C-alpha atoms as a PDB file:
ATOM      1  CA  UNK A   1      -0.029   0.078   0.110  1.00  0.00           C
ATOM      2  CA  UNK A   2       1.307   3.928  -1.093  1.00  0.00           C
ATOM      3  CA  UNK A   3       1.047   7.242   0.160  1.00  0.00           C
ATOM      4  CA  UNK A   4      -1.860   7.720  -2.066  1.00  0.00           C
ATOM      5  CA  UNK A   5      -3.578   4.942  -1.339  1.00  0.00           C
ATOM      6  CA  UNK A   6      -3.860   5.391   2.078  1.00  0.00           C
ATOM      7  CA  UNK A   7      -4.553   9.285   1.407  1.00  0.00           C
ATOM      8  CA  UNK A   8      -7.878   8.049  -0.629  1.00  0.00           C
ATOM      9  CA  UNK A   9      -8.725   5.298   2.171  1.00  0.00           C
ATOM     10  CA  UNK A  10      -8.683   8.590   4.664  1.00  0.00           C
ATOM     11  CA  UNK A  11     -10.945  10.537   2.635  1.00  0.00           C
ATOM     12  CA  UNK A  12     -13.056   7.754   1.789  1.00  0.00           C
ATOM     13  CA  UNK A  13     -13.693   7.071   5.548  1.00  0.00           C
ATOM     14  CA  UNK A  14     -14.323  10.524   6.417  1.00  0.00           C
ATOM     15  CA  UNK A  15     -16.642  11.164   4.012  1.00  0.00           C
ATOM     16  CA  UNK A  16     -18.818   8.110   5.027  1.00  0.00           C
ATOM     17  CA  UNK A  17     -21.128   7.544   7.723  1.00  0.00           C
ATOM     18  CA  UNK A  18     -18.447   4.709   9.124  1.00  0.00           C
ATOM     19  CA  UNK A  19     -16.759   5.236  12.435  1.00  0.00           C
ATOM     20  CA  UNK A  20     -14.189   2.972  12.690  1.00  0.00           C
ATOM     21  CA  UNK A  21     -12.495   1.167   9.856  1.00  0.00           C
ATOM     22  CA  UNK A  22     -10.205  -1.821  10.088  1.00  0.00           C
ATOM     23  CA  UNK A  23      -7.373  -2.649   7.458  1.00  0.00           C
ATOM     24  CA  UNK A  24      -4.964  -5.441   6.939  1.00  0.00           C
ATOM     25  CA  UNK A  25      -2.944  -5.779   4.030  1.00  0.00           C
ATOM     26  CA  UNK A  26      -0.064  -8.348   4.380  1.00  0.00           C
ATOM     27  CA  UNK A  27       2.358  -5.881   6.629  1.00  0.00           C
ATOM     28  CA  UNK A  28       0.478  -3.547   7.268  1.00  0.00           C
ATOM     29  CA  UNK A  29      -2.840  -3.249   9.804  1.00  0.00           C
ATOM     30  CA  UNK A  30      -4.244   0.138   9.764  1.00  0.00           C
ATOM     31  CA  UNK A  31      -7.197   1.186  12.197  1.00  0.00           C
ATOM     32  CA  UNK A  32      -9.474   4.603  11.645  1.00  0.00           C
ATOM     33  CA  UNK A  33     -12.122   6.081  13.991  1.00  0.00           C
ATOM     34  CA  UNK A  34     -14.295   8.983  13.869  1.00  0.00           C
ATOM     35  CA  UNK A  35     -17.428  10.410  15.744  1.00  0.00           C
ATOM     36  CA  UNK A  36     -17.888  12.580  18.875  1.00  0.00           C
ATOM     37  CA  UNK A  37     -14.879  14.007  20.472  1.00  0.00           C
ATOM     38  CA  UNK A  38     -14.404  14.587  24.142  1.00  0.00           C
ATOM     39  CA  UNK A  39     -14.927  17.651  24.084  1.00  0.00           C
ATOM     40  CA  UNK A  40     -18.831  16.531  22.018  1.00  0.00           C
ATOM     41  CA  UNK A  41     -18.643  14.295  25.000  1.00  0.00           C
ATOM     42  CA  UNK A  42     -18.178  17.138  27.174  1.00  0.00           C
ATOM     43  CA  UNK A  43     -20.667  19.117  25.978  1.00  0.00           C
ATOM     44  CA  UNK A  44     -23.269  16.526  26.293  1.00  0.00           C
ATOM     45  CA  UNK A  45     -22.463  15.338  29.561  1.00  0.00           C
ATOM     46  CA  UNK A  46     -22.332  19.148  30.454  1.00  0.00           C
ATOM     47  CA  UNK A  47     -26.122  19.326  29.041  1.00  0.00           C
ATOM     48  CA  UNK A  48     -27.369  16.245  31.129  1.00  0.00           C
ATOM     49  CA  UNK A  49     -25.910  17.442  34.505  1.00  0.00           C
ATOM     50  CA  UNK A  50     -27.711  21.051  33.618  1.00  0.00           C
ATOM     51  CA  UNK A  51     -31.024  19.671  33.246  1.00  0.00           C
ATOM     52  CA  UNK A  52     -30.503  17.673  36.198  1.00  0.00           C
ATOM     53  CA  UNK A  53     -29.770  20.537  38.413  1.00  0.00           C
ATOM     54  CA  UNK A  54     -33.040  22.296  37.210  1.00  0.00           C
ATOM     55  CA  UNK A  55     -35.277  19.289  38.216  1.00  0.00           C
ATOM     56  CA  UNK A  56     -33.210  19.285  41.497  1.00  0.00           C
ATOM     57  CA  UNK A  57     -34.093  22.598  41.695  1.00  0.00           C
ATOM     58  CA  UNK A  58     -37.758  22.400  40.997  1.00  0.00           C
ATOM     59  CA  UNK A  59     -37.925  19.311  43.447  1.00  0.00           C
ATOM     60  CA  UNK A  60     -36.269  21.074  46.074  1.00  0.00           C
ATOM     61  CA  UNK A  61     -39.080  23.628  45.640  1.00  0.00           C
ATOM     62  CA  UNK A  62     -41.259  21.489  46.081  1.00  0.00           C
ATOM     63  CA  UNK A  63     -40.137  19.524  49.286  1.00  0.00           C
ATOM     64  CA  UNK A  64     -40.001  23.129  50.566  1.00  0.00           C
ATOM     65  CA  UNK A  65     -43.915  23.286  49.846  1.00  0.00           C
ATOM     66  CA  UNK A  66     -44.812  19.730  51.083  1.00  0.00           C
ATOM     67  CA  UNK A  67     -42.759  20.618  54.336  1.00  0.00           C
ATOM     68  CA  UNK A  68     -44.513  23.886  55.091  1.00  0.00           C
ATOM     69  CA  UNK A  69     -47.861  21.990  54.765  1.00  0.00           C
ATOM     70  CA  UNK A  70     -46.581  19.608  57.387  1.00  0.00           C
ATOM     71  CA  UNK A  71     -45.259  22.036  59.247  1.00  0.00           C
ATOM     72  CA  UNK A  72     -48.886  23.810  59.336  1.00  0.00           C
ATOM     73  CA  UNK A  73     -50.284  20.574  60.131  1.00  0.00           C
ATOM     74  CA  UNK A  74     -48.293  19.393  62.523  1.00  0.00           C
ATOM     75  CA  UNK A  75     -48.502  22.702  64.152  1.00  0.00           C
ATOM     76  CA  UNK A  76     -52.447  22.509  64.155  1.00  0.00           C
ATOM     77  CA  UNK A  77     -51.945  18.996  65.542  1.00  0.00           C
ATOM     78  CA  UNK A  78     -49.826  19.790  68.499  1.00  0.00           C
ATOM     79  CA  UNK A  79     -52.214  22.560  69.697  1.00  0.00           C
ATOM     80  CA  UNK A  80     -54.688  20.006  68.679  1.00  0.00           C
ATOM     81  CA  UNK A  81     -57.577  19.323  71.317  1.00  0.00           C
ATOM     82  CA  UNK A  82     -60.395  17.363  70.847  1.00  0.00           C
ATOM     83  CA  UNK A  83     -63.042  20.841  71.337  1.00  0.00           C
ATOM     84  CA  UNK A  84     -61.279  21.737  68.034  1.00  0.00           C
ATOM     85  CA  UNK A  85     -61.662  20.595  64.376  1.00  0.00           C
ATOM     86  CA  UNK A  86     -59.473  21.027  61.804  1.00  0.00           C
ATOM     87  CA  UNK A  87     -60.744  21.348  58.429  1.00  0.00           C
ATOM     88  CA  UNK A  88     -58.645  20.243  55.682  1.00  0.00           C
ATOM     89  CA  UNK A  89     -58.556  20.941  52.046  1.00  0.00           C
ATOM     90  CA  UNK A  90     -59.915  18.052  49.931  1.00  0.00           C
ATOM     91  CA  UNK A  91     -58.231  18.864  46.592  1.00  0.00           C
ATOM     92  CA  UNK A  92     -55.290  20.791  45.224  1.00  0.00           C
ATOM     93  CA  UNK A  93     -56.228  24.515  44.039  1.00  0.00           C
ATOM     94  CA  UNK A  94     -56.881  28.015  45.077  1.00  0.00           C
ATOM     95  CA  UNK A  95     -58.536  29.402  47.938  1.00  0.00           C
ATOM     96  CA  UNK A  96     -61.120  31.920  48.221  1.00  0.00           C
ATOM     97  CA  UNK A  97     -62.967  32.893  51.014  1.00  0.00           C
ATOM     98  CA  UNK A  98     -65.592  34.400  49.230  1.00  0.00           C
ATOM     99  CA  UNK A  99     -68.132  33.908  46.509  1.00  0.00           C
ATOM    100  CA  UNK A 100     -66.884  36.690  44.206  1.00  0.00           C
ATOM    101  CA  UNK A 101     -64.267  39.372  44.661  1.00  0.00           C
ATOM    102  CA  UNK A 102     -66.866  41.960  45.748  1.00  0.00           C
ATOM    103  CA  UNK A 103     -68.615  39.596  48.144  1.00  0.00           C
ATOM    104  CA  UNK A 104     -68.518  39.526  51.694  1.00  0.00           C
ATOM    105  CA  UNK A 105     -66.361  36.414  53.050  1.00  0.00           C
ATOM    106  CA  UNK A 106     -68.255  33.337  53.914  1.00  0.00           C
ATOM    107  CA  UNK A 107     -66.676  33.267  57.416  1.00  0.00           C
ATOM    108  CA  UNK A 108     -64.363  35.219  59.619  1.00  0.00           C
ATOM    109  CA  UNK A 109     -62.786  34.447  62.545  1.00  0.00           C
ATOM    110  CA  UNK A 110     -65.505  34.424  65.424  1.00  0.00           C
ATOM    111  CA  UNK A 111     -67.823  33.470  62.962  1.00  0.00           C
ATOM    112  CA  UNK A 112     -70.747  30.782  63.975  1.00  0.00           C
ATOM    113  CA  UNK A 113     -71.171  27.931  61.626  1.00  0.00           C
ATOM    114  CA  UNK A 114     -73.378  24.745  61.318  1.00  0.00           C
ATOM    115  CA  UNK A 115     -72.239  21.439  60.205  1.00  0.00           C
ATOM    116  CA  UNK A 116     -72.360  21.864  56.215  1.00  0.00           C
ATOM    117  CA  UNK A 117     -72.147  25.722  56.350  1.00  0.00           C
ATOM    118  CA  UNK A 118     -69.909  26.616  53.092  1.00  0.00           C
ATOM    119  CA  UNK A 119     -66.541  27.802  54.823  1.00  0.00           C
ATOM    120  CA  UNK A 120     -64.608  28.536  51.597  1.00  0.00           C
ATOM    121  CA  UNK A 121     -63.936  27.783  47.606  1.00  0.00           C
ATOM    122  CA  UNK A 122     -61.187  25.743  46.493  1.00  0.00           C
ATOM    123  CA  UNK A 123     -60.833  26.672  42.549  1.00  0.00           C
ATOM    124  CA  UNK A 124     -59.450  23.490  40.555  1.00  0.00           C
ATOM    125  CA  UNK A 125     -59.398  23.734  36.633  1.00  0.00           C
ATOM    126  CA  UNK A 126     -61.813  26.423  36.866  1.00  0.00           C
ATOM    127  CA  UNK A 127     -64.711  24.355  39.119  1.00  0.00           C
ATOM    128  CA  UNK A 128     -65.451  25.976  42.183  1.00  0.00           C
ATOM    129  CA  UNK A 129     -65.572  23.935  45.343  1.00  0.00           C
ATOM    130  CA  UNK A 130     -67.455  24.495  47.997  1.00  0.00           C
ATOM    131  CA  UNK A 131     -65.861  23.667  51.455  1.00  0.00           C
ATOM    132  CA  UNK A 132     -68.263  22.771  53.905  1.00  0.00           C
ATOM    133  CA  UNK A 133     -68.020  22.581  57.579  1.00  0.00           C
ATOM    134  CA  UNK A 134     -67.810  19.428  59.384  1.00  0.00           C
ATOM    135  CA  UNK A 135     -68.879  20.149  62.633  1.00  0.00           C
ATOM    136  CA  UNK A 136     -70.909  23.297  64.328  1.00  0.00           C
ATOM    137  CA  UNK A 137     -69.127  25.847  66.150  1.00  0.00           C
ATOM    138  CA  UNK A 138     -66.590  29.117  66.403  1.00  0.00           C
ATOM    139  CA  UNK A 139     -63.842  29.754  63.686  1.00  0.00           C
ATOM    140  CA  UNK A 140     -61.151  30.208  65.787  1.00  0.00           C
ATOM    141  CA  UNK A 141     -58.248  30.636  63.314  1.00  0.00           C
ATOM    142  CA  UNK A 142     -58.439  30.883  59.188  1.00  0.00           C
ATOM    143  CA  UNK A 143     -54.727  29.115  58.497  1.00  0.00           C
ATOM    144  CA  UNK A 144     -54.651  30.703  54.562  1.00  0.00           C
ATOM    145  CA  UNK A 145     -55.017  33.896  52.791  1.00  0.00           C
ATOM    146  CA  UNK A 146     -57.457  34.623  50.091  1.00  0.00           C
ATOM    147  CA  UNK A 147     -55.846  33.552  46.890  1.00  0.00           C
ATOM    148  CA  UNK A 148     -53.472  30.880  47.959  1.00  0.00           C
ATOM    149  CA  UNK A 149     -52.627  27.943  46.220  1.00  0.00           C
ATOM    150  CA  UNK A 150     -53.866  24.649  48.743  1.00  0.00           C
ATOM    151  CA  UNK A 151     -52.507  21.540  48.547  1.00  0.00           C
ATOM    152  CA  UNK A 152     -53.946  18.348  49.239  1.00  0.00           C
ATOM    153  CA  UNK A 153     -55.000  18.085  53.182  1.00  0.00           C
ATOM    154  CA  UNK A 154     -53.770  21.093  53.577  1.00  0.00           C
ATOM    155  CA  UNK A 155     -55.317  22.589  56.922  1.00  0.00           C
ATOM    156  CA  UNK A 156     -57.347  25.543  56.073  1.00  0.00           C
ATOM    157  CA  UNK A 157     -59.776  26.424  59.459  1.00  0.00           C
ATOM    158  CA  UNK A 158     -59.629  25.328  63.171  1.00  0.00           C
ATOM    159  CA  UNK A 159     -63.413  25.430  64.690  1.00  0.00           C
ATOM    160  CA  UNK A 160     -63.746  25.376  68.145  1.00  0.00           C
ATOM    161  CA  UNK A 161     -66.912  23.160  68.710  1.00  0.00           C
END
């Protein structure tokens, strides 16, 4: 094999889709490979790492929200007494204390409520879900702000029986 033939082989392999070529001819053994370079490999790994970091950041935010809800729930449970009832959200959505922005709230701290009285609305997927009291008594504490996102089973009200 002469220099010209070797150059032709190199050009042919470079122009092809082949990634590895091995040629044996009498006393000559030639192996050529092409494809992803170390720099390309590094860029791919760096992009994947960046994606993973973004997901980890989102995961941390979600964990913080869960911890806040659990802390609120624990605080409520610590203060739990049989004379109090905690009303929790049955779904994920947006908490509203009144039926419309210019209406009076359903209840406020100190309001007397009967079992099955509407306490608030939780909007989920454009549906307004009325949250009702499970006991009769007095509203002692409203645990969320109007317009706040609430999670499933997040405490909303504390009612004294």
